[in-house]
């Protein structure tokens, strides 16, 4: 009987022993898991502390701690700041190119700024003193007004009608020679020149016309910029009246519009070396006569910004017309700009 009772207790002791072993193993696994989780949390905490300290060191915020979200916001602000700096740089370059010119505005009596109506550039050259004197006597104001205060008649025209008039000339190929000195001395007496310091006078006329628009835009803020040859007589009051009717047209190209055949023979007076670019029919596109034409401020800005890539042909009238092909430009065929004769109602005449 004892023997049987002893045998019956053996399974119970073995089960208890197995249960203790299982509990011990489970405890070991739980402990290891706890250490693993704690280690991961510690590493992540160390990474966050390092990130905060590094950000504080770079941004100069001292020992203040910020969250990861705040860190991302700071990085985004830095990127925005970089983009703003790049945009400012592009804006400064645009200003240098003439997109936002250095405005020179006339003042009204009430202290407000008055935008000029037009800048008239009379393209002239060395050895053309006779033409300039003829223009000064005929239609370009000269002299001084002593009362109520001393001022030139050119200044009076600018203040009352908003029109600037200047002779436009470049420099000689040998800067400082007699030709340059003669112009400087003449300008001291008359104060009516716009000297293109970056233009060599012996170069092509289309390049000079382009330089006039660029320089005039940098000096004066006007509704229109007008190019005139120095053998043209002009009714300046009538010019101002015509331009005033087109002020509301932001991309206006005004002139005596024409087209015609392209001269392909070198012996021709109006020979075009690149005649083959105008097609088999050799016909020019519509463009304003070069004697006198006007462009609005927006078109002058376009010329100034793109001056380095605008192609110049043999003649300035064709060159200017080619610059506006493909643009949303209002071509205004103004018959009064046709300087063939005064009897036709023109505001100009060729000498």
C-alpha atoms as a PDB file:
ATOM      1  CA  UNK A   1       0.000   0.000   0.000  1.00  0.00           C
ATOM      2  CA  UNK A   2       2.792   2.427   0.794  1.00  0.00           C
ATOM      3  CA  UNK A   3       4.519   1.547  -2.298  1.00  0.00           C
ATOM      4  CA  UNK A   4       1.471   2.423  -4.344  1.00  0.00           C
ATOM      5  CA  UNK A   5       0.960   5.746  -2.465  1.00  0.00           C
ATOM      6  CA  UNK A   6       4.555   6.779  -3.068  1.00  0.00           C
ATOM      7  CA  UNK A   7       4.260   6.098  -6.736  1.00  0.00           C
ATOM      8  CA  UNK A   8       1.140   8.227  -6.902  1.00  0.00           C
ATOM      9  CA  UNK A   9       2.978  11.311  -5.567  1.00  0.00           C
ATOM     10  CA  UNK A  10       5.851  11.185  -8.102  1.00  0.00           C
ATOM     11  CA  UNK A  11       3.951  12.751 -11.015  1.00  0.00           C
ATOM     12  CA  UNK A  12       2.848  15.649  -8.851  1.00  0.00           C
ATOM     13  CA  UNK A  13       6.434  16.510  -7.869  1.00  0.00           C
ATOM     14  CA  UNK A  14       7.604  16.310 -11.478  1.00  0.00           C
ATOM     15  CA  UNK A  15       4.869  18.697 -12.672  1.00  0.00           C
ATOM     16  CA  UNK A  16       5.786  21.272 -10.059  1.00  0.00           C
ATOM     17  CA  UNK A  17       9.432  21.091 -11.110  1.00  0.00           C
ATOM     18  CA  UNK A  18       8.534  21.603 -14.801  1.00  0.00           C
ATOM     19  CA  UNK A  19       6.309  24.555 -13.940  1.00  0.00           C
ATOM     20  CA  UNK A  20       9.189  26.271 -12.075  1.00  0.00           C
ATOM     21  CA  UNK A  21      11.513  25.786 -15.048  1.00  0.00           C
ATOM     22  CA  UNK A  22       8.955  27.306 -17.422  1.00  0.00           C
ATOM     23  CA  UNK A  23       8.412  30.285 -15.124  1.00  0.00           C
ATOM     24  CA  UNK A  24      12.143  30.849 -14.907  1.00  0.00           C
ATOM     25  CA  UNK A  25      12.548  30.774 -18.682  1.00  0.00           C
ATOM     26  CA  UNK A  26       9.625  33.155 -19.157  1.00  0.00           C
ATOM     27  CA  UNK A  27      11.126  35.532 -16.600  1.00  0.00           C
ATOM     28  CA  UNK A  28      14.469  35.458 -18.428  1.00  0.00           C
ATOM     29  CA  UNK A  29      12.752  36.237 -21.748  1.00  0.00           C
ATOM     30  CA  UNK A  30      10.759  39.062 -20.169  1.00  0.00           C
ATOM     31  CA  UNK A  31      13.891  40.521 -18.614  1.00  0.00           C
ATOM     32  CA  UNK A  32      15.754  40.348 -21.920  1.00  0.00           C
ATOM     33  CA  UNK A  33      12.846  41.982 -23.744  1.00  0.00           C
ATOM     34  CA  UNK A  34      12.718  44.752 -21.165  1.00  0.00           C
ATOM     35  CA  UNK A  35      16.455  45.378 -21.584  1.00  0.00           C
ATOM     36  CA  UNK A  36      16.056  45.422 -25.363  1.00  0.00           C
ATOM     37  CA  UNK A  37      13.200  47.928 -25.297  1.00  0.00           C
ATOM     38  CA  UNK A  38      15.007  50.102 -22.748  1.00  0.00           C
ATOM     39  CA  UNK A  39      18.141  50.050 -24.887  1.00  0.00           C
ATOM     40  CA  UNK A  40      16.196  51.142 -27.988  1.00  0.00           C
ATOM     41  CA  UNK A  41      14.465  53.922 -26.118  1.00  0.00           C
ATOM     42  CA  UNK A  42      17.792  55.072 -24.709  1.00  0.00           C
ATOM     43  CA  UNK A  43      19.383  55.150 -28.170  1.00  0.00           C
ATOM     44  CA  UNK A  44      16.449  57.119 -29.580  1.00  0.00           C
ATOM     45  CA  UNK A  45      16.605  59.544 -26.659  1.00  0.00           C
ATOM     46  CA  UNK A  46      20.329  60.011 -27.214  1.00  0.00           C
ATOM     47  CA  UNK A  47      19.696  60.690 -30.922  1.00  0.00           C
ATOM     48  CA  UNK A  48      17.087  63.316 -30.106  1.00  0.00           C
ATOM     49  CA  UNK A  49      19.337  64.987 -27.561  1.00  0.00           C
ATOM     50  CA  UNK A  50      22.173  65.037 -30.119  1.00  0.00           C
ATOM     51  CA  UNK A  51      19.872  66.506 -32.798  1.00  0.00           C
ATOM     52  CA  UNK A  52      18.651  69.228 -30.461  1.00  0.00           C
ATOM     53  CA  UNK A  53      22.162  70.100 -29.308  1.00  0.00           C
ATOM     54  CA  UNK A  54      23.463  70.168 -32.874  1.00  0.00           C
ATOM     55  CA  UNK A  55      20.588  72.392 -34.012  1.00  0.00           C
ATOM     56  CA  UNK A  56      21.119  74.685 -31.029  1.00  0.00           C
ATOM     57  CA  UNK A  57      24.798  74.944 -31.843  1.00  0.00           C
ATOM     58  CA  UNK A  58      24.150  75.838 -35.500  1.00  0.00           C
ATOM     59  CA  UNK A  59      21.281  78.228 -34.942  1.00  0.00           C
ATOM     60  CA  UNK A  60      22.768  79.825 -31.836  1.00  0.00           C
ATOM     61  CA  UNK A  61      19.764  79.086 -29.647  1.00  0.00           C
ATOM     62  CA  UNK A  62      21.780  78.023 -26.608  1.00  0.00           C
ATOM     63  CA  UNK A  63      20.573  75.096 -24.543  1.00  0.00           C
ATOM     64  CA  UNK A  64      16.874  75.399 -25.426  1.00  0.00           C
ATOM     65  CA  UNK A  65      15.415  72.106 -26.573  1.00  0.00           C
ATOM     66  CA  UNK A  66      12.986  71.911 -29.485  1.00  0.00           C
ATOM     67  CA  UNK A  67      10.913  69.132 -30.898  1.00  0.00           C
ATOM     68  CA  UNK A  68      11.507  67.333 -34.167  1.00  0.00           C
ATOM     69  CA  UNK A  69       8.541  69.217 -35.673  1.00  0.00           C
ATOM     70  CA  UNK A  70      10.128  72.511 -34.701  1.00  0.00           C
ATOM     71  CA  UNK A  71      13.387  71.323 -36.245  1.00  0.00           C
ATOM     72  CA  UNK A  72      11.647  70.651 -39.553  1.00  0.00           C
ATOM     73  CA  UNK A  73      10.046  74.097 -39.433  1.00  0.00           C
ATOM     74  CA  UNK A  74      13.451  75.717 -38.912  1.00  0.00           C
ATOM     75  CA  UNK A  75      14.863  73.797 -41.886  1.00  0.00           C
ATOM     76  CA  UNK A  76      11.892  74.876 -44.034  1.00  0.00           C
ATOM     77  CA  UNK A  77      12.434  78.506 -43.024  1.00  0.00           C
ATOM     78  CA  UNK A  78      16.062  78.227 -44.076  1.00  0.00           C
ATOM     79  CA  UNK A  79      15.017  76.937 -47.478  1.00  0.00           C
ATOM     80  CA  UNK A  80      12.554  79.804 -47.847  1.00  0.00           C
ATOM     81  CA  UNK A  81      15.294  82.246 -46.928  1.00  0.00           C
ATOM     82  CA  UNK A  82      17.580  80.791 -49.595  1.00  0.00           C
ATOM     83  CA  UNK A  83      14.842  81.102 -52.214  1.00  0.00           C
ATOM     84  CA  UNK A  84      14.189  84.703 -51.195  1.00  0.00           C
ATOM     85  CA  UNK A  85      17.901  85.473 -51.516  1.00  0.00           C
ATOM     86  CA  UNK A  86      17.965  83.955 -55.004  1.00  0.00           C
ATOM     87  CA  UNK A  87      14.895  85.966 -56.065  1.00  0.00           C
ATOM     88  CA  UNK A  88      16.459  89.153 -54.726  1.00  0.00           C
ATOM     89  CA  UNK A  89      19.615  88.414 -56.707  1.00  0.00           C
ATOM     90  CA  UNK A  90      17.577  87.894 -59.882  1.00  0.00           C
ATOM     91  CA  UNK A  91      15.722  91.152 -59.216  1.00  0.00           C
ATOM     92  CA  UNK A  92      19.000  93.041 -58.794  1.00  0.00           C
ATOM     93  CA  UNK A  93      20.265  91.602 -62.080  1.00  0.00           C
ATOM     94  CA  UNK A  94      17.033  92.621 -63.771  1.00  0.00           C
ATOM     95  CA  UNK A  95      17.467  96.167 -62.466  1.00  0.00           C
ATOM     96  CA  UNK A  96      20.965  96.282 -63.932  1.00  0.00           C
ATOM     97  CA  UNK A  97      19.562  95.091 -67.271  1.00  0.00           C
ATOM     98  CA  UNK A  98      16.982  97.852 -67.285  1.00  0.00           C
ATOM     99  CA  UNK A  99      13.825  95.930 -66.395  1.00  0.00           C
ATOM    100  CA  UNK A 100      13.310  98.248 -63.423  1.00  0.00           C
ATOM    101  CA  UNK A 101      15.144 101.407 -64.472  1.00  0.00           C
ATOM    102  CA  UNK A 102      16.480 104.131 -62.269  1.00  0.00           C
ATOM    103  CA  UNK A 103      13.573 106.509 -62.592  1.00  0.00           C
ATOM    104  CA  UNK A 104      14.031 110.219 -62.901  1.00  0.00           C
ATOM    105  CA  UNK A 105      10.672 111.834 -62.453  1.00  0.00           C
ATOM    106  CA  UNK A 106       9.616 115.423 -62.720  1.00  0.00           C
ATOM    107  CA  UNK A 107       7.966 116.930 -59.633  1.00  0.00           C
ATOM    108  CA  UNK A 108       4.627 118.690 -59.568  1.00  0.00           C
ATOM    109  CA  UNK A 109       3.984 121.675 -57.437  1.00  0.00           C
ATOM    110  CA  UNK A 110       2.105 119.550 -54.901  1.00  0.00           C
ATOM    111  CA  UNK A 111       5.129 117.317 -54.352  1.00  0.00           C
ATOM    112  CA  UNK A 112       3.768 114.341 -56.326  1.00  0.00           C
ATOM    113  CA  UNK A 113       5.755 112.718 -59.100  1.00  0.00           C
ATOM    114  CA  UNK A 114       4.748 113.281 -62.716  1.00  0.00           C
ATOM    115  CA  UNK A 115       5.669 110.697 -65.309  1.00  0.00           C
ATOM    116  CA  UNK A 116       7.228 112.061 -68.482  1.00  0.00           C
ATOM    117  CA  UNK A 117       5.324 111.763 -71.726  1.00  0.00           C
ATOM    118  CA  UNK A 118       8.278 111.119 -74.027  1.00  0.00           C
ATOM    119  CA  UNK A 119      12.034 111.050 -74.409  1.00  0.00           C
ATOM    120  CA  UNK A 120      13.029 112.170 -77.911  1.00  0.00           C
ATOM    121  CA  UNK A 121      16.461 111.038 -79.049  1.00  0.00           C
ATOM    122  CA  UNK A 122      17.920 112.753 -82.112  1.00  0.00           C
ATOM    123  CA  UNK A 123      20.580 110.396 -83.441  1.00  0.00           C
ATOM    124  CA  UNK A 124      23.545 112.421 -84.627  1.00  0.00           C
ATOM    125  CA  UNK A 125      27.241 111.910 -85.256  1.00  0.00           C
ATOM    126  CA  UNK A 126      30.658 113.530 -85.452  1.00  0.00           C
ATOM    127  CA  UNK A 127      30.864 116.182 -88.121  1.00  0.00           C
ATOM    128  CA  UNK A 128      27.107 116.852 -87.938  1.00  0.00           C
ATOM    129  CA  UNK A 129      27.318 120.122 -86.032  1.00  0.00           C
ATOM    130  CA  UNK A 130      25.573 121.976 -88.859  1.00  0.00           C
ATOM    131  CA  UNK A 131      22.527 119.685 -88.604  1.00  0.00           C
ATOM    132  CA  UNK A 132      22.365 120.076 -84.842  1.00  0.00           C
ATOM    133  CA  UNK A 133      22.528 123.867 -85.041  1.00  0.00           C
ATOM    134  CA  UNK A 134      19.782 123.840 -87.672  1.00  0.00           C
ATOM    135  CA  UNK A 135      17.544 121.769 -85.388  1.00  0.00           C
ATOM    136  CA  UNK A 136      18.255 124.070 -82.429  1.00  0.00           C
ATOM    137  CA  UNK A 137      17.194 127.060 -84.491  1.00  0.00           C
ATOM    138  CA  UNK A 138      14.145 125.377 -86.024  1.00  0.00           C
ATOM    139  CA  UNK A 139      12.314 123.292 -83.414  1.00  0.00           C
ATOM    140  CA  UNK A 140      14.485 122.349 -80.442  1.00  0.00           C
ATOM    141  CA  UNK A 141      14.200 124.870 -77.563  1.00  0.00           C
ATOM    142  CA  UNK A 142      17.446 126.628 -76.656  1.00  0.00           C
ATOM    143  CA  UNK A 143      18.531 129.468 -74.396  1.00  0.00           C
ATOM    144  CA  UNK A 144      17.691 130.398 -70.814  1.00  0.00           C
ATOM    145  CA  UNK A 145      14.698 131.875 -69.033  1.00  0.00           C
ATOM    146  CA  UNK A 146      15.856 134.385 -66.372  1.00  0.00           C
ATOM    147  CA  UNK A 147      12.542 134.949 -64.595  1.00  0.00           C
ATOM    148  CA  UNK A 148      11.258 133.979 -62.070  1.00  0.00           C
ATOM    149  CA  UNK A 149      14.416 131.866 -61.771  1.00  0.00           C
ATOM    150  CA  UNK A 150      17.126 130.866 -64.193  1.00  0.00           C
ATOM    151  CA  UNK A 151      16.309 127.735 -66.179  1.00  0.00           C
ATOM    152  CA  UNK A 152      16.772 126.525 -69.747  1.00  0.00           C
ATOM    153  CA  UNK A 153      13.997 126.361 -72.290  1.00  0.00           C
ATOM    154  CA  UNK A 154      14.606 122.603 -72.477  1.00  0.00           C
ATOM    155  CA  UNK A 155      13.839 122.394 -68.771  1.00  0.00           C
ATOM    156  CA  UNK A 156      10.665 124.415 -69.330  1.00  0.00           C
ATOM    157  CA  UNK A 157       9.582 121.964 -72.043  1.00  0.00           C
ATOM    158  CA  UNK A 158      10.235 119.044 -69.704  1.00  0.00           C
ATOM    159  CA  UNK A 159       8.265 120.605 -66.860  1.00  0.00           C
ATOM    160  CA  UNK A 160       5.288 121.864 -68.871  1.00  0.00           C
ATOM    161  CA  UNK A 161       4.874 119.194 -71.542  1.00  0.00           C
ATOM    162  CA  UNK A 162       6.765 116.245 -70.067  1.00  0.00           C
ATOM    163  CA  UNK A 163       9.028 115.888 -73.106  1.00  0.00           C
ATOM    164  CA  UNK A 164      12.802 115.352 -72.943  1.00  0.00           C
ATOM    165  CA  UNK A 165      14.849 116.121 -76.072  1.00  0.00           C
ATOM    166  CA  UNK A 166      18.494 115.110 -76.445  1.00  0.00           C
ATOM    167  CA  UNK A 167      21.003 114.642 -79.227  1.00  0.00           C
ATOM    168  CA  UNK A 168      22.283 111.056 -79.048  1.00  0.00           C
ATOM    169  CA  UNK A 169      25.895 110.268 -79.853  1.00  0.00           C
ATOM    170  CA  UNK A 170      28.477 107.655 -78.932  1.00  0.00           C
ATOM    171  CA  UNK A 171      32.207 107.794 -78.279  1.00  0.00           C
ATOM    172  CA  UNK A 172      35.004 107.696 -80.825  1.00  0.00           C
ATOM    173  CA  UNK A 173      37.033 104.518 -81.243  1.00  0.00           C
ATOM    174  CA  UNK A 174      39.945 106.408 -79.629  1.00  0.00           C
ATOM    175  CA  UNK A 175      38.403 107.718 -76.442  1.00  0.00           C
ATOM    176  CA  UNK A 176      39.436 111.243 -75.608  1.00  0.00           C
ATOM    177  CA  UNK A 177      40.455 112.356 -79.090  1.00  0.00           C
ATOM    178  CA  UNK A 178      39.399 115.592 -80.770  1.00  0.00           C
ATOM    179  CA  UNK A 179      35.972 114.248 -81.770  1.00  0.00           C
ATOM    180  CA  UNK A 180      35.100 113.413 -78.178  1.00  0.00           C
ATOM    181  CA  UNK A 181      36.488 116.727 -76.961  1.00  0.00           C
ATOM    182  CA  UNK A 182      34.416 118.686 -79.497  1.00  0.00           C
ATOM    183  CA  UNK A 183      31.208 116.986 -78.321  1.00  0.00           C
ATOM    184  CA  UNK A 184      32.067 117.544 -74.654  1.00  0.00           C
ATOM    185  CA  UNK A 185      32.727 121.234 -75.273  1.00  0.00           C
ATOM    186  CA  UNK A 186      29.541 121.583 -77.324  1.00  0.00           C
ATOM    187  CA  UNK A 187      27.545 119.894 -74.576  1.00  0.00           C
ATOM    188  CA  UNK A 188      28.967 122.277 -71.973  1.00  0.00           C
ATOM    189  CA  UNK A 189      27.437 125.145 -73.899  1.00  0.00           C
ATOM    190  CA  UNK A 190      24.115 123.538 -74.818  1.00  0.00           C
ATOM    191  CA  UNK A 191      23.555 120.746 -72.257  1.00  0.00           C
ATOM    192  CA  UNK A 192      21.415 118.849 -74.759  1.00  0.00           C
ATOM    193  CA  UNK A 193      23.335 115.591 -75.362  1.00  0.00           C
ATOM    194  CA  UNK A 194      22.831 111.997 -74.287  1.00  0.00           C
ATOM    195  CA  UNK A 195      26.310 110.512 -74.694  1.00  0.00           C
ATOM    196  CA  UNK A 196      26.402 106.724 -75.085  1.00  0.00           C
ATOM    197  CA  UNK A 197      29.615 105.871 -73.265  1.00  0.00           C
ATOM    198  CA  UNK A 198      29.449 102.176 -74.198  1.00  0.00           C
ATOM    199  CA  UNK A 199      28.811 102.752 -77.891  1.00  0.00           C
ATOM    200  CA  UNK A 200      31.512 103.359 -80.509  1.00  0.00           C
ATOM    201  CA  UNK A 201      30.231 105.929 -82.988  1.00  0.00           C
ATOM    202  CA  UNK A 202      31.682 104.230 -86.050  1.00  0.00           C
ATOM    203  CA  UNK A 203      29.634 101.047 -85.485  1.00  0.00           C
ATOM    204  CA  UNK A 204      26.292 100.206 -87.111  1.00  0.00           C
ATOM    205  CA  UNK A 205      23.238 102.451 -86.763  1.00  0.00           C
ATOM    206  CA  UNK A 206      20.907  99.676 -85.471  1.00  0.00           C
ATOM    207  CA  UNK A 207      23.256  99.064 -82.542  1.00  0.00           C
ATOM    208  CA  UNK A 208      23.242 102.766 -81.756  1.00  0.00           C
ATOM    209  CA  UNK A 209      19.428 102.871 -81.840  1.00  0.00           C
ATOM    210  CA  UNK A 210      19.329  99.940 -79.435  1.00  0.00           C
ATOM    211  CA  UNK A 211      21.806 101.683 -77.122  1.00  0.00           C
ATOM    212  CA  UNK A 212      19.650 104.811 -77.154  1.00  0.00           C
ATOM    213  CA  UNK A 213      16.606 102.911 -75.875  1.00  0.00           C
ATOM    214  CA  UNK A 214      18.684 101.211 -73.172  1.00  0.00           C
ATOM    215  CA  UNK A 215      20.345 104.414 -71.922  1.00  0.00           C
ATOM    216  CA  UNK A 216      17.212 106.555 -72.154  1.00  0.00           C
ATOM    217  CA  UNK A 217      15.278 103.969 -70.151  1.00  0.00           C
ATOM    218  CA  UNK A 218      17.935 104.050 -67.439  1.00  0.00           C
ATOM    219  CA  UNK A 219      17.872 107.845 -67.233  1.00  0.00           C
ATOM    220  CA  UNK A 220      14.182 108.694 -67.553  1.00  0.00           C
ATOM    221  CA  UNK A 221      10.833 107.098 -66.834  1.00  0.00           C
ATOM    222  CA  UNK A 222       8.531 108.001 -69.729  1.00  0.00           C
ATOM    223  CA  UNK A 223       5.462 106.713 -71.532  1.00  0.00           C
ATOM    224  CA  UNK A 224       7.261 106.701 -74.900  1.00  0.00           C
ATOM    225  CA  UNK A 225      10.784 106.738 -76.328  1.00  0.00           C
ATOM    226  CA  UNK A 226      11.084 108.384 -79.734  1.00  0.00           C
ATOM    227  CA  UNK A 227      13.934 107.989 -82.204  1.00  0.00           C
ATOM    228  CA  UNK A 228      14.493 110.793 -84.754  1.00  0.00           C
ATOM    229  CA  UNK A 229      17.171 111.340 -87.380  1.00  0.00           C
ATOM    230  CA  UNK A 230      19.150 114.593 -87.273  1.00  0.00           C
ATOM    231  CA  UNK A 231      17.927 115.660 -90.722  1.00  0.00           C
ATOM    232  CA  UNK A 232      14.267 115.783 -89.663  1.00  0.00           C
ATOM    233  CA  UNK A 233      12.289 118.907 -88.755  1.00  0.00           C
ATOM    234  CA  UNK A 234       9.630 118.145 -86.165  1.00  0.00           C
ATOM    235  CA  UNK A 235       6.583 119.851 -84.693  1.00  0.00           C
ATOM    236  CA  UNK A 236       7.165 118.940 -81.064  1.00  0.00           C
ATOM    237  CA  UNK A 237       3.731 120.105 -79.873  1.00  0.00           C
ATOM    238  CA  UNK A 238       1.973 117.986 -82.496  1.00  0.00           C
ATOM    239  CA  UNK A 239       4.152 115.013 -81.526  1.00  0.00           C
ATOM    240  CA  UNK A 240       3.096 115.371 -77.895  1.00  0.00           C
ATOM    241  CA  UNK A 241      -0.575 115.551 -78.883  1.00  0.00           C
ATOM    242  CA  UNK A 242      -0.365 112.340 -80.934  1.00  0.00           C
ATOM    243  CA  UNK A 243       1.500 110.406 -78.255  1.00  0.00           C
ATOM    244  CA  UNK A 244      -1.002 111.488 -75.606  1.00  0.00           C
ATOM    245  CA  UNK A 245      -3.768 109.659 -77.492  1.00  0.00           C
ATOM    246  CA  UNK A 246      -1.873 106.358 -77.237  1.00  0.00           C
ATOM    247  CA  UNK A 247      -0.855 106.433 -73.567  1.00  0.00           C
ATOM    248  CA  UNK A 248      -3.367 103.693 -72.733  1.00  0.00           C
ATOM    249  CA  UNK A 249      -1.664 101.253 -75.130  1.00  0.00           C
ATOM    250  CA  UNK A 250       1.111  99.531 -73.131  1.00  0.00           C
ATOM    251  CA  UNK A 251       2.882  97.873 -76.097  1.00  0.00           C
ATOM    252  CA  UNK A 252       2.568 100.503 -78.816  1.00  0.00           C
ATOM    253  CA  UNK A 253       4.885 100.749 -81.828  1.00  0.00           C
ATOM    254  CA  UNK A 254       4.060 103.994 -83.644  1.00  0.00           C
ATOM    255  CA  UNK A 255       5.384 105.150 -86.978  1.00  0.00           C
ATOM    256  CA  UNK A 256       4.913 105.511 -90.696  1.00  0.00           C
ATOM    257  CA  UNK A 257       4.497 101.790 -91.383  1.00  0.00           C
ATOM    258  CA  UNK A 258       5.830 100.371 -94.595  1.00  0.00           C
ATOM    259  CA  UNK A 259       7.161  97.227 -96.249  1.00  0.00           C
ATOM    260  CA  UNK A 260       8.778  96.522 -99.575  1.00  0.00           C
ATOM    261  CA  UNK A 261      11.409  94.691-101.495  1.00  0.00           C
ATOM    262  CA  UNK A 262      14.736  93.651-100.008  1.00  0.00           C
ATOM    263  CA  UNK A 263      17.781  94.956-101.868  1.00  0.00           C
ATOM    264  CA  UNK A 264      20.146  92.072-102.513  1.00  0.00           C
ATOM    265  CA  UNK A 265      22.763  93.761-104.711  1.00  0.00           C
ATOM    266  CA  UNK A 266      25.816  95.254-102.948  1.00  0.00           C
ATOM    267  CA  UNK A 267      25.669  98.246-105.285  1.00  0.00           C
ATOM    268  CA  UNK A 268      22.201  99.225-104.009  1.00  0.00           C
ATOM    269  CA  UNK A 269      21.969 102.101-101.526  1.00  0.00           C
ATOM    270  CA  UNK A 270      19.765 100.100 -99.142  1.00  0.00           C
ATOM    271  CA  UNK A 271      21.648  96.833 -99.612  1.00  0.00           C
ATOM    272  CA  UNK A 272      20.770  94.130 -97.079  1.00  0.00           C
ATOM    273  CA  UNK A 273      23.645  91.613 -96.667  1.00  0.00           C
ATOM    274  CA  UNK A 274      21.286  89.056 -95.133  1.00  0.00           C
ATOM    275  CA  UNK A 275      18.631  89.381 -97.820  1.00  0.00           C
ATOM    276  CA  UNK A 276      18.259  85.595 -98.074  1.00  0.00           C
ATOM    277  CA  UNK A 277      16.624  85.489 -94.611  1.00  0.00           C
ATOM    278  CA  UNK A 278      13.541  87.278 -95.924  1.00  0.00           C
ATOM    279  CA  UNK A 279      12.309  84.463 -98.163  1.00  0.00           C
ATOM    280  CA  UNK A 280      12.128  83.814-101.863  1.00  0.00           C
ATOM    281  CA  UNK A 281       9.998  86.890-102.521  1.00  0.00           C
ATOM    282  CA  UNK A 282      12.578  89.115-100.806  1.00  0.00           C
ATOM    283  CA  UNK A 283       9.996  91.292 -99.101  1.00  0.00           C
ATOM    284  CA  UNK A 284      10.380  93.075 -95.764  1.00  0.00           C
ATOM    285  CA  UNK A 285       7.834  92.612 -92.993  1.00  0.00           C
ATOM    286  CA  UNK A 286       5.791  95.585 -91.772  1.00  0.00           C
ATOM    287  CA  UNK A 287       7.939  98.119 -89.906  1.00  0.00           C
ATOM    288  CA  UNK A 288       8.086 101.832 -89.114  1.00  0.00           C
ATOM    289  CA  UNK A 289      10.145 104.201 -91.240  1.00  0.00           C
ATOM    290  CA  UNK A 290      13.474 105.040 -89.625  1.00  0.00           C
ATOM    291  CA  UNK A 291      13.065 108.812 -89.911  1.00  0.00           C
ATOM    292  CA  UNK A 292      10.935 108.918 -86.765  1.00  0.00           C
ATOM    293  CA  UNK A 293       9.155 106.260 -84.712  1.00  0.00           C
ATOM    294  CA  UNK A 294       8.104 105.751 -81.102  1.00  0.00           C
ATOM    295  CA  UNK A 295       7.941 102.739 -78.795  1.00  0.00           C
ATOM    296  CA  UNK A 296       6.145 102.514 -75.475  1.00  0.00           C
ATOM    297  CA  UNK A 297       7.970 101.970 -72.207  1.00  0.00           C
ATOM    298  CA  UNK A 298       7.161  98.245 -72.127  1.00  0.00           C
ATOM    299  CA  UNK A 299       8.798  97.728 -75.535  1.00  0.00           C
ATOM    300  CA  UNK A 300      11.811  99.801 -74.524  1.00  0.00           C
ATOM    301  CA  UNK A 301      12.141  97.540 -71.479  1.00  0.00           C
ATOM    302  CA  UNK A 302      11.960  94.483 -73.740  1.00  0.00           C
ATOM    303  CA  UNK A 303      14.790  95.878 -75.865  1.00  0.00           C
ATOM    304  CA  UNK A 304      16.865  96.697 -72.785  1.00  0.00           C
ATOM    305  CA  UNK A 305      16.463  93.261 -71.197  1.00  0.00           C
ATOM    306  CA  UNK A 306      17.184  91.367 -74.421  1.00  0.00           C
ATOM    307  CA  UNK A 307      19.756  93.721 -75.938  1.00  0.00           C
ATOM    308  CA  UNK A 308      22.482  91.063 -76.077  1.00  0.00           C
ATOM    309  CA  UNK A 309      20.427  88.647 -78.202  1.00  0.00           C
ATOM    310  CA  UNK A 310      18.462  90.981 -80.478  1.00  0.00           C
ATOM    311  CA  UNK A 311      19.684  90.654 -84.053  1.00  0.00           C
ATOM    312  CA  UNK A 312      20.686  93.817 -85.926  1.00  0.00           C
ATOM    313  CA  UNK A 313      20.259  94.015 -89.681  1.00  0.00           C
ATOM    314  CA  UNK A 314      21.783  96.595 -92.015  1.00  0.00           C
ATOM    315  CA  UNK A 315      19.175  99.275 -91.216  1.00  0.00           C
ATOM    316  CA  UNK A 316      17.718 100.321 -87.882  1.00  0.00           C
ATOM    317  CA  UNK A 317      14.095 100.540 -89.035  1.00  0.00           C
ATOM    318  CA  UNK A 318      14.093  96.920 -90.208  1.00  0.00           C
ATOM    319  CA  UNK A 319      16.023  95.819 -87.115  1.00  0.00           C
ATOM    320  CA  UNK A 320      13.564  97.411 -84.681  1.00  0.00           C
ATOM    321  CA  UNK A 321      10.602  95.959 -86.597  1.00  0.00           C
ATOM    322  CA  UNK A 322      12.162  92.483 -86.446  1.00  0.00           C
ATOM    323  CA  UNK A 323      12.514  92.677 -82.658  1.00  0.00           C
ATOM    324  CA  UNK A 324       8.746  92.908 -82.246  1.00  0.00           C
ATOM    325  CA  UNK A 325       7.765  90.036 -84.535  1.00  0.00           C
ATOM    326  CA  UNK A 326       6.075  87.368 -82.447  1.00  0.00           C
ATOM    327  CA  UNK A 327       5.248  89.782 -79.626  1.00  0.00           C
ATOM    328  CA  UNK A 328       1.808  91.054 -78.688  1.00  0.00           C
ATOM    329  CA  UNK A 329       2.574  94.527 -80.050  1.00  0.00           C
ATOM    330  CA  UNK A 330       0.141  97.146 -81.305  1.00  0.00           C
ATOM    331  CA  UNK A 331       1.459  98.402 -84.672  1.00  0.00           C
ATOM    332  CA  UNK A 332       0.067 101.907 -85.145  1.00  0.00           C
ATOM    333  CA  UNK A 333       0.378 103.206 -88.684  1.00  0.00           C
ATOM    334  CA  UNK A 334       0.471 106.947 -88.020  1.00  0.00           C
ATOM    335  CA  UNK A 335       0.337 108.846 -91.284  1.00  0.00           C
ATOM    336  CA  UNK A 336       1.472 112.066 -89.608  1.00  0.00           C
ATOM    337  CA  UNK A 337       4.838 110.362 -88.954  1.00  0.00           C
ATOM    338  CA  UNK A 338       5.441 110.107 -92.706  1.00  0.00           C
ATOM    339  CA  UNK A 339       7.916 112.932 -93.299  1.00  0.00           C
ATOM    340  CA  UNK A 340       7.614 113.106 -97.102  1.00  0.00           C
ATOM    341  CA  UNK A 341       5.963 116.557 -97.033  1.00  0.00           C
ATOM    342  CA  UNK A 342       4.254 119.023 -94.712  1.00  0.00           C
ATOM    343  CA  UNK A 343       1.252 119.310 -97.021  1.00  0.00           C
ATOM    344  CA  UNK A 344       0.079 115.774 -96.229  1.00  0.00           C
ATOM    345  CA  UNK A 345      -0.546 116.773 -92.616  1.00  0.00           C
ATOM    346  CA  UNK A 346       2.689 115.280 -91.382  1.00  0.00           C
ATOM    347  CA  UNK A 347       4.234 116.599 -88.173  1.00  0.00           C
ATOM    348  CA  UNK A 348       7.720 116.241 -89.646  1.00  0.00           C
ATOM    349  CA  UNK A 349       9.724 116.907 -92.769  1.00  0.00           C
ATOM    350  CA  UNK A 350      13.090 115.753 -94.050  1.00  0.00           C
ATOM    351  CA  UNK A 351      15.656 118.431 -94.827  1.00  0.00           C
END
